[in-house]
Amino acid sequence: MPLSDIELSRQARLLRITDLARERLGITDEHLVPYGHHKAKLALPYIHSLAGRRDGKLVLVTAISPTPAGEGKTTTTVGLGDALNHIGRKAVIALREPSLGPVFGLKGGATGGGRAQVLPMEDINLHFTGDFQAIALAHNLLSACLDNHVHHGNALDIDLRRVTWKRVIDMNDRALRDITVGLGGPGNGFPRQDGFDIVVASEVMAILCLSNSLQDLKARLGRIVVAETRSRKPVTAADLKAHGAMAVLLKDALAPNLVQTMENNLALLHGGPFANIAHGCNSVIATRTALKLADYVVTEAGFGADLGAEKFIDIKCRMAGLVPAAAVVVATVRALKYHGGVNLPDLGREDLGALERGMANIQRHLHNLREVFGLPCVVSINHFTSDTEAEHALLRQRLGAMGVPVVTARHWAEGGPGAADLAREVVKACEQSTTLRFAYADQDTLWEKARLLAVRIYGAADISASSAVRKQMAALQEAGHGHLPVCIAKTQYSFSTDATQRGAPTGHVVDIREVRLAAGAGFVVLVCGDVMTMPGLPKVPAVEHIDLDDHGQIVGLS
């Protein structure tokens, strides 16, 4: 019986993070804040001292539209980082931190898998260095300040019907989506409708991940809009005088976390914004730091390229001035057959017809990355034992006709050496000249930005919205927010807003049901379809399999 991810992780020989940082990256002890022996934070003054160094090359790992069959994007990110080091290149990995909600829900852990993992996986998947707790506390402090202000006279004349700031918790809990607060009489404040989002959907999370300094963090926190007055003027965190205390809670969380892979290569893990409601990438400060420390930085963006890579480029790269040298698109034969119409129980059987139909999905992702954004691409096919040579040959033939290198990678089973061919192709791709392009221009209206994304990236015919949503978008435009990027929140499972539409649907209409201003983060969220910012647990959640054995060791975490 094969070993589980947690069992494999315990076989690794971890080195002291301070020793590893000094030997591999020249970071001495005074620039590190250790959290035990195997994880540490990089001191912010040290990070700012790196400004004069030249940048390495940034490699984005993205994927096809996610399926229940799994693709292995994080595993590929880790495996590629290990492989680049294996072939003699100096590489650092930059990843998001996992959220406890998915860990105990459907997805499980998010530290890679097999022999391509970042460690210590138990710490990372659970409480890690406390960043998410700090974000939750800062967010909920603002919620408490808002209700407290109303309780003590409401000098700002906040309209309780127009409070947009929810509370957050780092757990999937559908019962908290819509609640009522302030019950129990005058001493408990004024009753009003409220609700919870998951921490990764908090604007505070997005702000932390887009800030480049403590000063920038505090300024962005002050711009958060929490409500409107009765005269329809925005009320901000700065109006409530809460942003300074919020920054205090986040002071340590802004520093990136340094850990290692199973092969003792270094990785920066920092932040974890929701890939639906936010931009779904690790922090700008971690990515920039990694680029100063290594010749190659391997990072990833959440979900498929239509959501993750698009937001990575149109939001993160636009704001931070980052330019990826190449993109890796991760897929599996199984997942492509699923997009071709095969149901989950039958994916182990060879089906060239379904594979060919399913290739429409990866072909559109490749078209978007190459033709819309201007990035050289490499396709990484995660190898499964049920794959056949005929299936891999068909992939190489069809995608090769597009001029895209296709590599079968075995890092899950073999670690870095199993992705050495992938690493060599990525190095070649990084040598190509690129001119990064965006899907829309800053000066386009919010409506036009959404329409361009729907048509150019999702293959839609058009967008639609109710008159109330149109009015809200027009009001944001008139108020001076039209220059902001848009963040489309929709299902990750399809190019459309219908999660059941596999492959590469065309001609659909993307309906915008809700608009949210994230003034501190610096983008406008357009909620489409039935996407939710507070997930629920599945019928059989991962929590049922996670336990402590008689020796006090964690079991069931993957």
Protein backbone atom coordinates (compact mmCIF):
# COMPACT_ATOMS: atom_id res chain seq x y z
CA MET A 1 0.00 0.00 0.00
CA PRO A 2 1.53 3.38 -1.03
CA LEU A 3 2.47 5.82 1.72
CA SER A 4 0.23 8.82 2.34
CA ASP A 5 1.51 12.38 1.91
CA ILE A 6 1.90 12.82 5.66
CA GLU A 7 3.80 9.53 5.96
CA LEU A 8 6.11 10.54 3.12
CA SER A 9 6.69 13.95 4.71
CA ARG A 10 7.85 12.28 7.93
CA GLN A 11 10.54 10.42 6.01
CA ALA A 12 12.16 13.68 4.96
CA ARG A 13 15.28 14.89 6.74
CA LEU A 14 14.51 18.49 7.58
CA LEU A 15 17.39 20.92 8.09
CA ARG A 16 17.34 23.86 10.47
CA ILE A 17 15.81 26.73 8.55
CA THR A 18 18.45 29.17 9.81
CA ASP A 19 21.27 26.94 8.52
CA LEU A 20 19.53 26.38 5.19
CA ALA A 21 18.85 30.09 4.66
CA ARG A 22 22.47 30.96 5.37
CA GLU A 23 23.95 28.22 3.18
CA ARG A 24 21.61 28.54 0.20
CA LEU A 25 20.66 32.23 0.16
CA GLY A 26 23.24 33.96 2.36
CA ILE A 27 20.62 35.11 4.88
CA THR A 28 22.21 35.37 8.32
CA ASP A 29 20.47 34.69 11.62
CA GLU A 30 19.80 38.34 12.51
CA HIS A 31 17.54 38.66 9.48
CA LEU A 32 15.32 35.74 10.49
CA VAL A 33 12.63 35.36 13.15
CA PRO A 34 12.49 31.59 13.78
CA TYR A 35 9.23 29.82 14.67
CA GLY A 36 10.84 26.65 15.98
CA HIS A 37 13.57 24.87 14.01
CA HIS A 38 11.96 24.54 10.56
CA LYS A 39 10.08 27.73 9.80
CA ALA A 40 10.90 31.41 10.13
CA LYS A 41 9.84 34.86 9.06
CA LEU A 42 12.11 37.13 7.05
CA ALA A 43 12.65 40.47 8.80
CA LEU A 44 11.09 43.38 6.88
CA PRO A 45 14.20 45.63 7.13
CA TYR A 46 16.23 42.88 5.45
CA ILE A 47 13.65 42.58 2.68
CA HIS A 48 13.80 46.32 2.00
CA SER A 49 17.63 46.14 1.90
CA LEU A 50 17.40 43.86 -1.16
CA ALA A 51 15.92 46.60 -3.37
CA GLY A 52 19.12 47.17 -5.35
CA ARG A 53 19.56 43.55 -6.44
CA ARG A 54 18.56 42.43 -9.91
CA ASP A 55 15.47 40.24 -10.30
CA GLY A 56 15.49 36.59 -11.28
CA LYS A 57 13.03 35.12 -13.76
CA LEU A 58 9.42 34.59 -12.64
CA VAL A 59 7.66 31.38 -13.70
CA LEU A 60 3.89 31.16 -13.25
CA VAL A 61 2.34 27.72 -12.72
CA THR A 62 -1.32 27.60 -13.68
CA ALA A 63 -3.69 24.87 -14.86
CA ILE A 64 -6.69 23.79 -16.86
CA SER A 65 -10.16 24.28 -15.37
CA PRO A 66 -10.21 22.22 -12.15
CA THR A 67 -11.94 18.82 -12.07
CA PRO A 68 -12.72 16.23 -9.39
CA ALA A 69 -9.95 14.13 -10.97
CA GLY A 70 -7.34 16.61 -9.75
CA GLU A 71 -4.53 18.30 -11.66
CA GLY A 72 -1.71 18.80 -9.13
CA LYS A 73 -0.82 22.47 -9.58
CA THR A 74 0.84 22.95 -6.18
CA THR A 75 2.63 19.60 -6.50
CA THR A 76 3.98 20.74 -9.87
CA THR A 77 5.07 24.10 -8.45
CA VAL A 78 7.07 22.34 -5.73
CA GLY A 79 8.36 19.65 -8.09
CA LEU A 80 9.48 22.24 -10.65
CA GLY A 81 11.30 24.25 -7.97
CA ASP A 82 13.09 21.09 -6.82
CA ALA A 83 13.86 20.15 -10.44
CA LEU A 84 15.37 23.55 -11.28
CA ASN A 85 17.69 23.18 -8.30
CA HIS A 86 18.40 19.58 -9.35
CA ILE A 87 19.64 20.70 -12.79
CA GLY A 88 21.88 23.34 -11.21
CA ARG A 89 19.68 26.45 -11.29
CA LYS A 90 19.20 28.58 -8.18
CA ALA A 91 15.42 28.52 -7.61
CA VAL A 92 13.04 29.55 -4.84
CA ILE A 93 9.35 28.63 -4.63
CA ALA A 94 6.68 31.21 -3.72
CA LEU A 95 3.32 29.80 -2.60
CA ARG A 96 0.16 30.74 -0.74
CA GLU A 97 -0.59 29.49 2.76
CA PRO A 98 -3.43 26.94 3.10
CA SER A 99 -6.78 27.90 4.64
CA LEU A 100 -8.16 25.75 7.45
CA GLY A 101 -11.59 25.72 5.78
CA PRO A 102 -10.53 23.61 2.77
CA VAL A 103 -8.11 21.56 4.92
CA PHE A 104 -11.03 20.29 7.00
CA GLY A 105 -13.48 20.41 4.11
CA LEU A 106 -13.24 18.88 0.63
CA LYS A 107 -9.80 19.84 -0.67
CA GLY A 108 -7.57 18.77 2.21
CA GLY A 109 -4.07 20.21 2.61
CA ALA A 110 -2.28 22.46 0.15
CA THR A 111 1.42 21.74 0.56
CA GLY A 112 1.89 19.61 -2.55
CA GLY A 113 1.88 15.82 -2.57
CA GLY A 114 3.94 12.68 -2.89
CA ARG A 115 7.64 13.53 -3.03
CA ALA A 116 6.97 17.14 -4.03
CA GLN A 117 5.92 18.80 -0.78
CA VAL A 118 6.76 21.86 1.30
CA LEU A 119 7.43 21.09 4.95
CA PRO A 120 6.64 20.89 7.82
CA MET A 121 3.30 20.01 6.20
CA GLU A 122 1.39 19.56 9.46
CA ASP A 123 2.37 23.02 10.72
CA ILE A 124 1.75 24.70 7.37
CA ASN A 125 -1.69 23.11 6.91
CA LEU A 126 -2.81 23.95 10.44
CA HIS A 127 -1.83 27.10 12.38
CA PHE A 128 1.58 27.79 10.77
CA THR A 129 2.90 31.20 11.98
CA GLY A 130 -0.48 32.72 12.86
CA ASP A 131 -0.88 34.94 9.76
CA PHE A 132 -4.49 33.95 9.12
CA GLN A 133 -5.43 34.44 12.77
CA ALA A 134 -3.95 37.95 12.64
CA ILE A 135 -5.95 38.73 9.50
CA ALA A 136 -9.16 37.45 11.11
CA LEU A 137 -8.52 39.53 14.23
CA ALA A 138 -7.81 42.70 12.25
CA HIS A 139 -10.91 42.17 10.11
CA ASN A 140 -13.19 41.47 13.07
CA LEU A 141 -11.74 44.40 15.04
CA LEU A 142 -13.05 46.64 12.28
CA SER A 143 -16.46 44.92 12.53
CA ALA A 144 -16.51 45.52 16.30
CA CYS A 145 -15.49 49.18 15.88
CA LEU A 146 -18.30 49.73 13.39
CA ASP A 147 -21.00 48.33 15.70
CA ASN A 148 -19.47 50.12 18.67
CA HIS A 149 -19.59 53.44 16.83
CA VAL A 150 -23.30 52.98 16.10
CA HIS A 151 -23.99 51.92 19.71
CA HIS A 152 -22.38 55.09 21.08
CA GLY A 153 -24.39 57.59 19.09
CA ASN A 154 -23.51 56.99 15.44
CA ALA A 155 -21.79 60.34 14.86
CA LEU A 156 -21.00 59.33 11.27
CA ASP A 157 -24.73 58.70 10.59
CA ILE A 158 -24.09 55.16 9.31
CA ASP A 159 -27.11 53.61 7.59
CA LEU A 160 -27.45 50.13 9.13
CA ARG A 161 -29.23 48.97 5.99
CA ARG A 162 -26.09 49.72 3.98
CA VAL A 163 -23.38 48.04 6.04
CA THR A 164 -21.28 45.95 3.63
CA TRP A 165 -18.54 44.78 6.01
CA LYS A 166 -19.09 41.22 7.25
CA ARG A 167 -17.19 39.24 9.86
CA VAL A 168 -14.81 36.37 9.04
CA ILE A 169 -13.75 32.96 10.36
CA ASP A 170 -11.20 30.53 8.89
CA MET A 171 -13.63 27.63 8.63
CA ASN A 172 -16.31 26.38 6.24
CA ASP A 173 -19.57 27.07 8.10
CA ARG A 174 -22.67 27.58 5.98
CA ALA A 175 -24.80 28.46 9.04
CA LEU A 176 -22.87 31.73 9.38
CA ARG A 177 -23.53 33.02 5.87
CA ASP A 178 -26.50 35.14 6.96
CA ILE A 179 -27.05 36.03 10.62
CA THR A 180 -28.55 38.74 12.83
CA VAL A 181 -26.38 40.55 15.39
CA GLY A 182 -27.22 42.93 18.22
CA LEU A 183 -30.08 40.93 19.73
CA GLY A 184 -30.76 41.00 23.47
CA GLY A 185 -31.71 44.56 24.24
CA PRO A 186 -30.17 48.06 24.26
CA GLY A 187 -26.96 46.96 25.99
CA ASN A 188 -26.03 44.77 23.03
CA GLY A 189 -26.22 47.40 20.31
CA PHE A 190 -28.66 47.73 17.44
CA PRO A 191 -30.00 44.60 15.73
CA ARG A 192 -29.01 44.30 12.07
CA GLN A 193 -28.40 41.72 9.40
CA ASP A 194 -24.83 40.48 9.14
CA GLY A 195 -22.88 37.43 8.02
CA PHE A 196 -19.51 35.72 7.85
CA ASP A 197 -17.08 35.15 5.01
CA ILE A 198 -14.13 32.78 5.18
CA VAL A 199 -10.86 34.54 6.11
CA VAL A 200 -9.34 34.04 2.66
CA ALA A 201 -12.22 36.08 1.20
CA SER A 202 -11.50 39.04 3.49
CA GLU A 203 -10.39 42.27 1.88
CA VAL A 204 -7.80 42.46 4.67
CA MET A 205 -6.24 39.29 3.23
CA ALA A 206 -6.12 40.84 -0.25
CA ILE A 207 -4.64 44.04 1.20
CA LEU A 208 -1.90 42.17 3.07
CA CYS A 209 -0.99 40.32 -0.12
CA LEU A 210 -0.82 43.47 -2.27
CA SER A 211 0.98 45.76 0.20
CA ASN A 212 4.69 46.49 -0.23
CA SER A 213 5.42 48.01 3.20
CA LEU A 214 3.87 48.66 6.61
CA GLN A 215 3.06 52.21 5.48
CA ASP A 216 1.31 50.96 2.35
CA LEU A 217 -0.55 48.36 4.44
CA LYS A 218 -1.85 50.99 6.86
CA ALA A 219 -2.90 53.34 4.05
CA ARG A 220 -4.78 50.56 2.25
CA LEU A 221 -6.52 49.49 5.47
CA GLY A 222 -7.71 53.06 5.97
CA ARG A 223 -9.37 53.04 2.53
CA ILE A 224 -11.60 50.02 3.28
CA VAL A 225 -15.25 50.99 2.75
CA VAL A 226 -17.48 49.37 5.38
CA ALA A 227 -20.84 51.11 4.92
CA GLU A 228 -22.65 54.16 3.66
CA THR A 229 -24.21 57.04 5.54
CA ARG A 230 -27.87 57.88 5.21
CA SER A 231 -26.82 60.47 2.63
CA ARG A 232 -25.04 57.67 0.69
CA LYS A 233 -21.48 58.74 1.46
CA PRO A 234 -18.88 55.98 1.97
CA VAL A 235 -17.67 55.21 5.50
CA THR A 236 -14.10 53.94 5.73
CA ALA A 237 -11.93 52.24 8.34
CA ALA A 238 -10.05 55.53 8.64
CA ASP A 239 -13.33 57.30 9.47
CA LEU A 240 -13.76 54.79 12.32
CA LYS A 241 -10.11 55.35 13.38
CA ALA A 242 -9.56 51.57 13.29
CA HIS A 243 -6.85 51.24 10.63
CA GLY A 244 -3.92 51.99 12.93
CA ALA A 245 -4.84 49.24 15.39
CA MET A 246 -5.52 46.88 12.49
CA ALA A 247 -2.00 47.54 11.18
CA VAL A 248 -0.61 46.76 14.64
CA LEU A 249 -2.28 43.34 14.54
CA LEU A 250 -0.86 42.72 11.07
CA LYS A 251 2.69 44.02 11.67
CA ASP A 252 4.28 40.58 12.04
CA ALA A 253 1.96 38.92 9.52
CA LEU A 254 3.30 41.15 6.72
CA ALA A 255 6.68 39.38 6.92
CA PRO A 256 6.91 36.33 4.57
CA ASN A 257 7.41 32.82 5.93
CA LEU A 258 10.43 30.73 4.95
CA VAL A 259 10.18 26.91 4.82
CA GLN A 260 11.75 24.06 2.82
CA THR A 261 10.79 21.27 0.43
CA MET A 262 11.39 17.57 1.00
CA GLU A 263 14.64 18.07 -0.94
CA ASN A 264 15.71 20.97 1.33
CA ASN A 265 15.09 23.68 -1.24
CA LEU A 266 13.71 26.96 0.09
CA ALA A 267 10.17 28.24 -0.30
CA LEU A 268 8.41 31.43 0.74
CA LEU A 269 4.80 30.82 1.85
CA HIS A 270 2.78 33.93 2.49
CA GLY A 271 -0.87 34.95 2.32
CA GLY A 272 -3.76 33.14 0.73
CA PRO A 273 -6.44 35.31 -0.90
CA PHE A 274 -9.47 33.46 -2.25
CA ALA A 275 -9.02 32.83 -5.96
CA ASN A 276 -12.70 33.63 -6.61
CA ILE A 277 -13.40 36.74 -4.59
CA ALA A 278 -9.80 38.03 -4.72
CA HIS A 279 -6.67 37.56 -6.82
CA GLY A 280 -5.65 34.09 -5.57
CA CYS A 281 -1.86 34.50 -5.35
CA ASN A 282 0.78 34.68 -2.66
CA SER A 283 1.89 38.12 -1.47
CA VAL A 284 3.62 40.73 -3.60
CA ILE A 285 6.25 41.18 -0.89
CA ALA A 286 7.08 37.44 -0.90
CA THR A 287 7.29 37.26 -4.70
CA ARG A 288 9.48 40.35 -4.94
CA THR A 289 11.74 39.03 -2.17
CA ALA A 290 12.11 35.66 -3.88
CA LEU A 291 13.05 37.40 -7.15
CA LYS A 292 15.91 39.17 -5.35
CA LEU A 293 17.18 35.93 -3.80
CA ALA A 294 17.13 33.48 -6.74
CA ASP A 295 17.67 33.18 -10.47
CA TYR A 296 14.28 31.48 -10.91
CA VAL A 297 11.13 31.91 -8.84
CA VAL A 298 8.31 29.41 -9.29
CA THR A 299 4.91 30.64 -8.15
CA GLU A 300 1.29 29.64 -8.75
CA ALA A 301 -2.12 31.23 -9.07
CA GLY A 302 -5.35 29.70 -7.87
CA PHE A 303 -7.68 27.55 -9.98
CA GLY A 304 -7.43 27.47 -13.79
CA ALA A 305 -5.75 30.05 -15.99
CA ASP A 306 -9.06 31.81 -16.70
CA LEU A 307 -9.37 32.85 -13.04
CA GLY A 308 -5.95 32.40 -11.45
CA ALA A 309 -3.56 33.44 -14.21
CA GLU A 310 -5.87 36.23 -15.40
CA LYS A 311 -6.00 37.81 -11.93
CA PHE A 312 -2.31 37.19 -11.34
CA ILE A 313 -1.58 39.23 -14.46
CA ASP A 314 -4.41 41.78 -14.57
CA ILE A 315 -4.34 42.55 -10.83
CA LYS A 316 -1.08 41.46 -9.16
CA CYS A 317 1.35 42.04 -12.02
CA ARG A 318 -0.38 45.29 -13.00
CA MET A 319 -0.14 46.68 -9.45
CA ALA A 320 3.32 45.36 -8.59
CA GLY A 321 5.07 45.73 -11.95
CA LEU A 322 5.86 42.00 -12.12
CA VAL A 323 6.55 40.38 -15.51
CA PRO A 324 6.47 36.56 -15.74
CA ALA A 325 9.06 35.06 -18.06
CA ALA A 326 6.95 31.95 -18.81
CA ALA A 327 3.89 29.99 -17.75
CA VAL A 328 3.47 26.29 -17.03
CA VAL A 329 0.00 24.87 -17.65
CA VAL A 330 -0.68 21.78 -15.54
CA ALA A 331 -3.04 19.04 -16.71
CA THR A 332 -3.60 15.30 -16.41
CA VAL A 333 -4.90 12.81 -18.93
CA ARG A 334 -7.67 11.97 -16.45
CA ALA A 335 -8.78 15.60 -16.06
CA LEU A 336 -8.81 16.19 -19.81
CA LYS A 337 -10.95 13.08 -20.35
CA TYR A 338 -13.32 14.44 -17.70
CA HIS A 339 -13.61 17.66 -19.72
CA GLY A 340 -14.29 15.41 -22.70
CA GLY A 341 -17.39 13.97 -21.00
CA VAL A 342 -16.09 10.90 -19.11
CA ASN A 343 -17.44 10.50 -15.59
CA LEU A 344 -15.15 10.07 -12.61
CA PRO A 345 -15.41 6.25 -12.16
CA ASP A 346 -14.41 5.64 -15.80
CA LEU A 347 -11.36 7.88 -16.05
CA GLY A 348 -8.93 4.98 -15.67
CA ARG A 349 -9.90 3.53 -19.07
CA GLU A 350 -8.21 4.60 -22.28
CA ASP A 351 -10.53 6.88 -24.28
CA LEU A 352 -8.80 8.79 -27.04
CA GLY A 353 -12.04 10.33 -28.29
CA ALA A 354 -12.84 11.85 -24.89
CA LEU A 355 -9.25 13.02 -24.52
CA GLU A 356 -9.41 14.80 -27.87
CA ARG A 357 -12.71 16.47 -26.94
CA GLY A 358 -11.34 17.50 -23.56
CA MET A 359 -8.28 19.11 -25.12
CA ALA A 360 -10.49 22.05 -26.07
CA ASN A 361 -10.16 23.17 -22.46
CA ILE A 362 -6.37 23.30 -22.35
CA GLN A 363 -6.20 24.75 -25.85
CA ARG A 364 -8.29 27.73 -24.78
CA HIS A 365 -6.15 28.27 -21.68
CA LEU A 366 -3.05 28.17 -23.85
CA HIS A 367 -4.59 30.59 -26.35
CA ASN A 368 -5.39 33.03 -23.56
CA LEU A 369 -1.92 32.87 -22.02
CA ARG A 370 -0.07 33.15 -25.33
CA GLU A 371 -2.31 35.35 -27.48
CA VAL A 372 -4.01 37.56 -24.89
CA PHE A 373 -1.23 37.90 -22.28
CA GLY A 374 1.83 37.21 -24.46
CA LEU A 375 3.49 34.50 -22.32
CA PRO A 376 5.57 31.56 -23.58
CA CYS A 377 4.00 28.31 -22.30
CA VAL A 378 5.04 24.79 -21.37
CA VAL A 379 2.47 22.06 -20.69
CA SER A 380 3.19 19.73 -17.77
CA ILE A 381 1.22 16.48 -17.77
CA ASN A 382 1.17 14.90 -14.31
CA HIS A 383 1.68 11.19 -14.86
CA PHE A 384 -0.80 8.63 -13.50
CA THR A 385 -0.25 4.85 -13.66
CA SER A 386 -3.57 4.47 -15.52
CA ASP A 387 -2.36 6.69 -18.40
CA THR A 388 -1.52 4.95 -21.67
CA GLU A 389 1.24 5.78 -24.13
CA ALA A 390 -1.36 6.33 -26.85
CA GLU A 391 -3.02 9.03 -24.73
CA HIS A 392 0.26 10.82 -24.08
CA ALA A 393 1.22 10.55 -27.76
CA LEU A 394 -2.08 12.19 -28.75
CA LEU A 395 -1.46 15.05 -26.33
CA ARG A 396 2.04 15.62 -27.66
CA GLN A 397 0.77 15.57 -31.23
CA ARG A 398 -2.20 17.93 -30.78
CA LEU A 399 -0.51 20.43 -28.46
CA GLY A 400 2.77 20.18 -30.35
CA ALA A 401 0.88 21.38 -33.43
CA MET A 402 0.25 24.59 -31.48
CA GLY A 403 4.00 24.97 -30.96
CA VAL A 404 3.78 24.25 -27.22
CA PRO A 405 6.29 21.89 -25.53
CA VAL A 406 4.54 19.03 -23.70
CA VAL A 407 6.39 17.24 -20.90
CA THR A 408 5.27 14.20 -18.89
CA ALA A 409 6.31 14.91 -15.30
CA ARG A 410 6.80 12.35 -12.53
CA HIS A 411 7.72 14.60 -9.60
CA TRP A 412 4.92 13.15 -7.42
CA ALA A 413 6.64 9.76 -7.44
CA GLU A 414 10.27 10.77 -8.05
CA GLY A 415 10.67 14.30 -6.66
CA GLY A 416 12.85 16.84 -8.46
CA PRO A 417 14.58 14.34 -10.79
CA GLY A 418 11.14 13.33 -12.09
CA ALA A 419 10.56 16.89 -13.34
CA ALA A 420 14.05 17.54 -14.72
CA ASP A 421 12.80 17.53 -18.34
CA LEU A 422 10.10 20.02 -17.36
CA ALA A 423 12.71 22.25 -15.72
CA ARG A 424 14.86 22.24 -18.87
CA GLU A 425 11.88 23.22 -21.04
CA VAL A 426 10.98 26.01 -18.60
CA VAL A 427 14.56 27.37 -18.74
CA LYS A 428 14.29 27.42 -22.55
CA ALA A 429 10.91 29.19 -22.41
CA CYS A 430 12.33 31.81 -20.04
CA GLU A 431 14.96 32.72 -22.63
CA GLN A 432 12.29 33.86 -25.10
CA SER A 433 11.56 37.56 -25.31
CA THR A 434 8.14 38.52 -23.98
CA THR A 435 5.97 41.60 -23.87
CA LEU A 436 3.37 41.19 -21.15
CA ARG A 437 -0.09 42.34 -22.16
CA PHE A 438 -3.26 42.83 -20.11
CA ALA A 439 -6.79 41.75 -21.01
CA TYR A 440 -8.06 45.33 -20.69
CA ALA A 441 -6.72 48.85 -20.26
CA ASP A 442 -6.86 50.94 -17.08
CA GLN A 443 -8.95 53.56 -18.86
CA ASP A 444 -11.66 51.09 -19.94
CA THR A 445 -14.89 51.42 -17.97
CA LEU A 446 -15.74 48.79 -15.35
CA TRP A 447 -18.46 47.44 -17.63
CA GLU A 448 -16.09 47.23 -20.59
CA LYS A 449 -13.42 45.49 -18.50
CA ALA A 450 -15.95 42.84 -17.47
CA ARG A 451 -17.14 42.44 -21.05
CA LEU A 452 -13.61 42.06 -22.40
CA LEU A 453 -12.80 39.38 -19.83
CA ALA A 454 -16.02 37.49 -20.61
CA VAL A 455 -15.48 37.57 -24.38
CA ARG A 456 -11.69 37.28 -24.62
CA ILE A 457 -10.99 34.91 -21.71
CA TYR A 458 -14.22 32.95 -21.08
CA GLY A 459 -15.40 32.62 -24.70
CA ALA A 460 -18.72 34.29 -23.83
CA ALA A 461 -20.94 36.22 -26.20
CA ASP A 462 -21.62 39.05 -23.76
CA ILE A 463 -22.30 40.04 -20.15
CA SER A 464 -25.56 40.97 -18.47
CA ALA A 465 -26.72 42.50 -15.20
CA SER A 466 -29.86 43.73 -13.50
CA SER A 467 -30.67 47.43 -13.58
CA ALA A 468 -29.64 47.71 -9.91
CA VAL A 469 -26.20 46.23 -10.63
CA ARG A 470 -25.77 48.43 -13.70
CA LYS A 471 -26.64 51.46 -11.61
CA GLN A 472 -24.13 50.43 -8.93
CA MET A 473 -21.35 49.99 -11.50
CA ALA A 474 -22.17 53.38 -13.00
CA ALA A 475 -22.05 54.97 -9.53
CA LEU A 476 -18.61 53.46 -8.86
CA GLN A 477 -17.45 54.72 -12.22
CA GLU A 478 -18.72 58.22 -11.47
CA ALA A 479 -17.14 58.15 -7.99
CA GLY A 480 -13.68 57.73 -9.53
CA HIS A 481 -13.20 53.96 -9.17
CA GLY A 482 -13.40 53.19 -12.88
CA HIS A 483 -9.62 52.94 -13.24
CA LEU A 484 -9.45 49.95 -10.86
CA PRO A 485 -9.00 46.38 -12.12
CA VAL A 486 -12.02 44.09 -11.93
CA CYS A 487 -11.98 40.79 -10.08
CA ILE A 488 -14.52 38.34 -11.49
CA ALA A 489 -15.90 35.99 -8.83
CA LYS A 490 -17.38 32.94 -10.53
CA THR A 491 -17.22 29.16 -10.51
CA GLN A 492 -13.73 27.79 -11.12
CA TYR A 493 -15.02 24.62 -12.76
CA SER A 494 -16.05 26.10 -16.10
CA PHE A 495 -15.31 28.96 -18.48
CA SER A 496 -19.00 29.74 -18.05
CA THR A 497 -20.86 30.54 -14.82
CA ASP A 498 -22.42 27.06 -14.91
CA ALA A 499 -20.15 24.59 -13.11
CA THR A 500 -21.59 21.66 -15.08
CA GLN A 501 -20.37 23.01 -18.44
CA ARG A 502 -17.12 21.15 -19.07
CA GLY A 503 -14.61 21.62 -21.86
CA ALA A 504 -14.62 25.03 -23.54
CA PRO A 505 -18.18 26.34 -23.84
CA THR A 506 -18.81 29.33 -26.10
CA GLY A 507 -21.61 31.80 -26.73
CA HIS A 508 -22.81 31.94 -23.13
CA VAL A 509 -23.69 35.13 -21.26
CA VAL A 510 -21.92 36.00 -18.01
CA ASP A 511 -24.46 37.52 -15.63
CA ILE A 512 -23.14 39.87 -12.94
CA ARG A 513 -25.33 39.51 -9.87
CA GLU A 514 -23.45 41.65 -7.33
CA VAL A 515 -20.81 44.38 -7.18
CA ARG A 516 -18.40 44.93 -4.29
CA LEU A 517 -15.87 47.73 -3.97
CA ALA A 518 -12.55 46.64 -2.44
CA ALA A 519 -11.10 50.14 -2.23
CA GLY A 520 -8.26 49.18 0.09
CA ALA A 521 -7.16 46.23 -2.02
CA GLY A 522 -7.62 48.33 -5.13
CA PHE A 523 -10.08 46.39 -7.26
CA VAL A 524 -13.81 45.98 -7.89
CA VAL A 525 -15.31 42.52 -7.33
CA LEU A 526 -18.03 41.39 -9.75
CA VAL A 527 -19.87 38.36 -8.37
CA CYS A 528 -21.28 36.11 -11.10
CA GLY A 529 -23.41 32.97 -10.97
CA ASP A 530 -23.84 31.22 -7.63
CA VAL A 531 -20.30 31.51 -6.24
CA MET A 532 -20.17 31.88 -2.42
CA THR A 533 -17.68 33.59 -0.10
CA MET A 534 -18.48 31.24 2.81
CA PRO A 535 -18.20 27.60 1.69
CA GLY A 536 -19.94 24.73 3.45
CA LEU A 537 -18.54 21.37 4.45
CA PRO A 538 -19.24 18.42 2.08
CA LYS A 539 -21.28 15.40 3.14
CA VAL A 540 -18.12 13.55 4.13
CA PRO A 541 -15.61 16.28 5.07
CA ALA A 542 -11.89 15.69 5.54
CA VAL A 543 -12.42 16.46 9.22
CA GLU A 544 -13.83 12.92 9.68
CA HIS A 545 -10.48 11.40 8.73
CA ILE A 546 -8.16 13.71 10.69
CA ASP A 547 -7.19 12.40 14.12
CA LEU A 548 -4.44 11.87 16.67
CA ASP A 549 -3.07 8.34 17.12
CA ASP A 550 -2.06 6.83 20.46
CA HIS A 551 1.43 8.32 20.09
CA GLY A 552 0.12 11.86 19.62
CA GLN A 553 0.86 11.96 15.89
CA ILE A 554 -1.58 13.51 13.41
CA VAL A 555 -3.17 11.08 10.95
CA GLY A 556 -5.46 11.64 7.98
CA LEU A 557 -4.04 15.04 7.00
CA SER A 558 -3.22 15.23 3.30
